[in-house]
Amino acid sequence: MLPFRRSYRSTNDFAILDFGDALPQRVQADSAWGSVSTSDKPREVDRFQRRFDAMVASALPPEDTPDLPRRLEREL
C-alpha cells in the first residue's frame, strides 16, 4: 500500500510480464484514455522495472499496512 506522502506516483497502470525462459519479459502500459501499449524492448522493460522498484521502496512495510486504512477511516 502506498501512503499519501511524497514518494513515487505512477501516471499510468502497467504490468511487467514474465513468461519464463521461453519469451523475453514484456511491459504492458495502459493509458487513461483506454489505449494499451506493449513492448519487449529491454530499455522499456528496464524503465518500468525501475518505476516498480520505486513504488516498492515507497510502500508501507507489511506490518504497517493494516493500520493505514483504519487511520484514514477515523479521519473521515
Protein backbone atom coordinates (compact mmCIF):
# COMPACT_ATOMS: atom_id res chain seq x y z
CA MET A 1 0.00 0.00 0.00
CA LEU A 2 1.33 3.41 -0.97
CA PRO A 3 0.63 6.07 1.66
CA PHE A 4 -0.21 9.69 0.83
CA ARG A 5 3.23 11.22 1.12
CA ARG A 6 5.99 12.47 -1.12
CA SER A 7 7.08 9.39 -2.97
CA TYR A 8 6.80 7.78 -6.36
CA ARG A 9 3.46 8.03 -8.15
CA SER A 10 2.73 6.19 -11.37
CA THR A 11 1.00 8.17 -14.09
CA ASN A 12 -0.47 5.07 -15.71
CA ASP A 13 -1.20 1.43 -14.97
CA PHE A 14 1.41 -1.03 -16.09
CA ALA A 15 2.32 -4.68 -15.78
CA ILE A 16 5.66 -6.37 -16.25
CA LEU A 17 5.00 -9.75 -17.82
CA ASP A 18 7.49 -12.56 -17.31
CA PHE A 19 6.84 -15.71 -19.33
CA GLY A 20 9.89 -17.59 -18.16
CA ASP A 21 12.78 -18.55 -20.38
CA ALA A 22 10.63 -19.15 -23.47
CA LEU A 23 9.92 -15.46 -24.18
CA PRO A 24 11.52 -12.15 -23.23
CA GLN A 25 9.98 -10.01 -20.50
CA ARG A 26 7.36 -7.59 -21.78
CA VAL A 27 5.78 -4.49 -20.33
CA GLN A 28 2.16 -3.51 -20.86
CA ALA A 29 1.12 0.09 -20.14
CA ASP A 30 -2.50 1.29 -20.05
CA SER A 31 -3.38 4.95 -20.52
CA ALA A 32 -6.28 6.89 -19.02
CA TRP A 33 -7.84 7.01 -22.49
CA GLY A 34 -8.05 3.23 -22.78
CA SER A 35 -5.11 2.64 -25.06
CA VAL A 36 -2.75 -0.22 -24.35
CA SER A 37 0.85 -0.48 -25.47
CA THR A 38 3.27 -3.34 -25.06
CA SER A 39 7.00 -3.64 -25.58
CA ASP A 40 9.66 -6.27 -25.14
CA LYS A 41 12.48 -3.80 -25.74
CA PRO A 42 14.95 -4.19 -22.86
CA ARG A 43 15.19 -0.40 -22.42
CA GLU A 44 11.41 -0.08 -21.94
CA VAL A 45 11.19 -3.11 -19.66
CA ASP A 46 14.05 -1.70 -17.54
CA ARG A 47 12.35 1.72 -17.36
CA PHE A 48 9.15 0.20 -15.99
CA GLN A 49 11.10 -2.12 -13.68
CA ARG A 50 12.71 0.99 -12.14
CA ARG A 51 9.23 2.50 -11.70
CA PHE A 52 8.02 -0.65 -9.98
CA ASP A 53 11.10 -0.74 -7.74
CA ALA A 54 10.46 2.90 -6.76
CA MET A 55 6.86 2.07 -5.80
CA VAL A 56 8.00 -0.90 -3.73
CA ALA A 57 10.54 1.31 -1.96
CA SER A 58 7.82 3.88 -1.06
CA ALA A 59 5.25 1.32 0.08
CA LEU A 60 4.50 0.74 3.71
CA PRO A 61 6.06 -2.32 5.28
CA PRO A 62 3.60 -5.23 5.59
CA GLU A 63 3.30 -4.83 9.37
CA ASP A 64 2.17 -1.17 8.99
CA THR A 65 -0.26 -1.71 6.12
CA PRO A 66 -3.37 -2.72 8.16
CA ASP A 67 -3.15 0.45 10.26
CA LEU A 68 -3.33 2.91 7.35
CA PRO A 69 -6.93 2.17 6.21
CA ARG A 70 -8.07 2.23 9.84
CA ARG A 71 -6.41 5.59 10.42
CA LEU A 72 -7.86 7.00 7.21
CA GLU A 73 -11.32 5.78 8.17
CA ARG A 74 -11.07 7.60 11.53
CA GLU A 75 -10.06 10.79 9.74
CA LEU A 76 -13.18 10.79 7.53
